[in-house]
Amino acid sequence: MIVTEWNEFKALDKPQLYRLMHRPIVIDGRNLYEAEEMQRLGFTYRAMGRGSGPAPMVAATGDDTSLPQHASDGEKTAGESQQLHCNLPQ
């Protein structure tokens, strides 16, 4: 997660950063990078306040407020919604 505009972060060697990260996920709170470049390099990239692509579906168990009310064939229903799992080192 990037929350600073320091020049050191603006000038990162992004290909090297990608190689060093176990899970190459970048949440850019300062919009330092271009989404297209980061995705081309293989990062999962989200920029705050920018439309950098669809967010993953995250719904609490039993929460169907963001799912279609009448799912057609092939669409997920509330009981089949995907869940985001994130295992961070402690």
C-alpha atoms as a PDB file:
ATOM      1  CA  MET A   1       0.000   0.000   0.000  1.00  0.00           C
ATOM      2  CA  ILE A   2       1.442   3.336  -1.032  1.00  0.00           C
ATOM      3  CA  VAL A   3       0.362   6.396   0.954  1.00  0.00           C
ATOM      4  CA  THR A   4       3.205   8.825   0.207  1.00  0.00           C
ATOM      5  CA  GLU A   5       4.364  10.917  -2.749  1.00  0.00           C
ATOM      6  CA  TRP A   6       8.061  10.658  -1.899  1.00  0.00           C
ATOM      7  CA  ASN A   7      10.305  10.588  -4.965  1.00  0.00           C
ATOM      8  CA  GLU A   8      11.789   7.257  -3.851  1.00  0.00           C
ATOM      9  CA  PHE A   9       8.408   5.636  -4.447  1.00  0.00           C
ATOM     10  CA  LYS A  10       7.814   7.452  -7.738  1.00  0.00           C
ATOM     11  CA  ALA A  11      11.110   6.092  -9.097  1.00  0.00           C
ATOM     12  CA  LEU A  12      10.810   2.443  -7.996  1.00  0.00           C
ATOM     13  CA  ASP A  13      12.174  -0.247 -10.302  1.00  0.00           C
ATOM     14  CA  LYS A  14       8.763  -1.831 -10.850  1.00  0.00           C
ATOM     15  CA  PRO A  15       9.969  -5.005 -12.649  1.00  0.00           C
ATOM     16  CA  GLN A  16      12.372  -5.676  -9.759  1.00  0.00           C
ATOM     17  CA  LEU A  17       9.629  -4.946  -7.227  1.00  0.00           C
ATOM     18  CA  TYR A  18       7.390  -7.465  -9.003  1.00  0.00           C
ATOM     19  CA  ARG A  19      10.096 -10.143  -8.837  1.00  0.00           C
ATOM     20  CA  LEU A  20      10.606  -9.536  -5.095  1.00  0.00           C
ATOM     21  CA  MET A  21       6.942  -9.624  -4.059  1.00  0.00           C
ATOM     22  CA  HIS A  22       5.339 -12.913  -3.026  1.00  0.00           C
ATOM     23  CA  ARG A  23       1.920 -11.534  -4.002  1.00  0.00           C
ATOM     24  CA  PRO A  24       2.358  -8.551  -6.359  1.00  0.00           C
ATOM     25  CA  ILE A  25      -0.578  -6.475  -5.141  1.00  0.00           C
ATOM     26  CA  VAL A  26      -0.252  -2.673  -5.083  1.00  0.00           C
ATOM     27  CA  ILE A  27      -2.850  -0.352  -3.581  1.00  0.00           C
ATOM     28  CA  ASP A  28      -1.834   3.124  -4.676  1.00  0.00           C
ATOM     29  CA  GLY A  29      -3.296   5.760  -2.370  1.00  0.00           C
ATOM     30  CA  ARG A  30      -1.435   8.596  -4.123  1.00  0.00           C
ATOM     31  CA  ASN A  31      -1.994   7.642  -7.795  1.00  0.00           C
ATOM     32  CA  LEU A  32       1.744   7.468  -8.492  1.00  0.00           C
ATOM     33  CA  TYR A  33       1.528   4.863 -11.242  1.00  0.00           C
ATOM     34  CA  GLU A  34      -0.474   4.234 -14.400  1.00  0.00           C
ATOM     35  CA  ALA A  35      -2.885   1.295 -14.104  1.00  0.00           C
ATOM     36  CA  GLU A  36      -2.158   0.015 -17.620  1.00  0.00           C
ATOM     37  CA  GLU A  37       1.595  -0.177 -16.972  1.00  0.00           C
ATOM     38  CA  MET A  38       1.203  -1.869 -13.592  1.00  0.00           C
ATOM     39  CA  GLN A  39      -1.194  -4.462 -15.009  1.00  0.00           C
ATOM     40  CA  ARG A  40       1.090  -5.046 -18.013  1.00  0.00           C
ATOM     41  CA  LEU A  41       3.925  -5.758 -15.557  1.00  0.00           C
ATOM     42  CA  GLY A  42       1.731  -8.356 -13.808  1.00  0.00           C
ATOM     43  CA  PHE A  43       0.648  -6.456 -10.690  1.00  0.00           C
ATOM     44  CA  THR A  44      -2.825  -6.557  -9.231  1.00  0.00           C
ATOM     45  CA  TYR A  45      -3.203  -2.781  -9.036  1.00  0.00           C
ATOM     46  CA  ARG A  46      -5.824  -0.533  -7.483  1.00  0.00           C
ATOM     47  CA  ALA A  47      -5.580   3.260  -7.414  1.00  0.00           C
ATOM     48  CA  MET A  48      -7.695   5.208  -4.943  1.00  0.00           C
ATOM     49  CA  GLY A  49     -10.280   7.401  -6.639  1.00  0.00           C
ATOM     50  CA  ARG A  50      -9.521   6.089 -10.133  1.00  0.00           C
ATOM     51  CA  GLY A  51     -11.430   3.567 -12.153  1.00  0.00           C
ATOM     52  CA  SER A  52      -8.540   1.100 -12.357  1.00  0.00           C
ATOM     53  CA  GLY A  53     -10.684  -1.918 -13.096  1.00  0.00           C
ATOM     54  CA  PRO A  54     -13.439  -3.863 -11.417  1.00  0.00           C
ATOM     55  CA  ALA A  55     -12.990  -4.517  -7.738  1.00  0.00           C
ATOM     56  CA  PRO A  56     -13.175  -8.126  -6.583  1.00  0.00           C
ATOM     57  CA  MET A  57     -16.534  -9.281  -5.242  1.00  0.00           C
ATOM     58  CA  VAL A  58     -16.450  -9.202  -1.472  1.00  0.00           C
ATOM     59  CA  ALA A  59     -19.691  -9.930   0.345  1.00  0.00           C
ATOM     60  CA  ALA A  60     -20.340 -11.006   3.885  1.00  0.00           C
ATOM     61  CA  THR A  61     -22.055 -14.347   4.302  1.00  0.00           C
ATOM     62  CA  GLY A  62     -25.724 -13.860   3.515  1.00  0.00           C
ATOM     63  CA  ASP A  63     -25.199 -10.353   2.052  1.00  0.00           C
ATOM     64  CA  ASP A  64     -26.826 -10.234  -1.355  1.00  0.00           C
ATOM     65  CA  THR A  65     -27.176  -6.446  -1.642  1.00  0.00           C
ATOM     66  CA  SER A  66     -24.634  -6.163  -4.469  1.00  0.00           C
ATOM     67  CA  LEU A  67     -25.747  -9.228  -6.425  1.00  0.00           C
ATOM     68  CA  PRO A  68     -28.407  -9.353  -9.141  1.00  0.00           C
ATOM     69  CA  GLN A  69     -31.869 -10.053  -7.758  1.00  0.00           C
ATOM     70  CA  HIS A  70     -32.763 -12.312 -10.705  1.00  0.00           C
ATOM     71  CA  ALA A  71     -29.638 -14.141 -11.759  1.00  0.00           C
ATOM     72  CA  SER A  72     -29.807 -15.642 -15.231  1.00  0.00           C
ATOM     73  CA  ASP A  73     -28.031 -18.831 -16.261  1.00  0.00           C
ATOM     74  CA  GLY A  74     -24.294 -18.504 -15.668  1.00  0.00           C
ATOM     75  CA  GLU A  75     -24.538 -15.635 -13.168  1.00  0.00           C
ATOM     76  CA  LYS A  76     -23.759 -16.169  -9.520  1.00  0.00           C
ATOM     77  CA  THR A  77     -26.460 -16.007  -6.898  1.00  0.00           C
ATOM     78  CA  ALA A  78     -25.990 -14.856  -3.305  1.00  0.00           C
ATOM     79  CA  GLY A  79     -25.173 -18.368  -2.129  1.00  0.00           C
ATOM     80  CA  GLU A  80     -22.488 -18.736  -4.811  1.00  0.00           C
ATOM     81  CA  SER A  81     -20.763 -15.358  -4.375  1.00  0.00           C
ATOM     82  CA  GLN A  82     -16.991 -15.324  -4.484  1.00  0.00           C
ATOM     83  CA  GLN A  83     -15.105 -14.446  -1.329  1.00  0.00           C
ATOM     84  CA  LEU A  84     -11.765 -12.675  -1.162  1.00  0.00           C
ATOM     85  CA  HIS A  85      -9.192 -14.476   0.979  1.00  0.00           C
ATOM     86  CA  CYS A  86      -6.039 -12.673   1.983  1.00  0.00           C
ATOM     87  CA  ASN A  87      -3.357 -14.403   4.027  1.00  0.00           C
ATOM     88  CA  LEU A  88      -0.868 -11.847   5.299  1.00  0.00           C
ATOM     89  CA  PRO A  89       2.320 -12.785   7.153  1.00  0.00           C
ATOM     90  CA  GLN A  90       2.164 -12.071  10.852  1.00  0.00           C
END
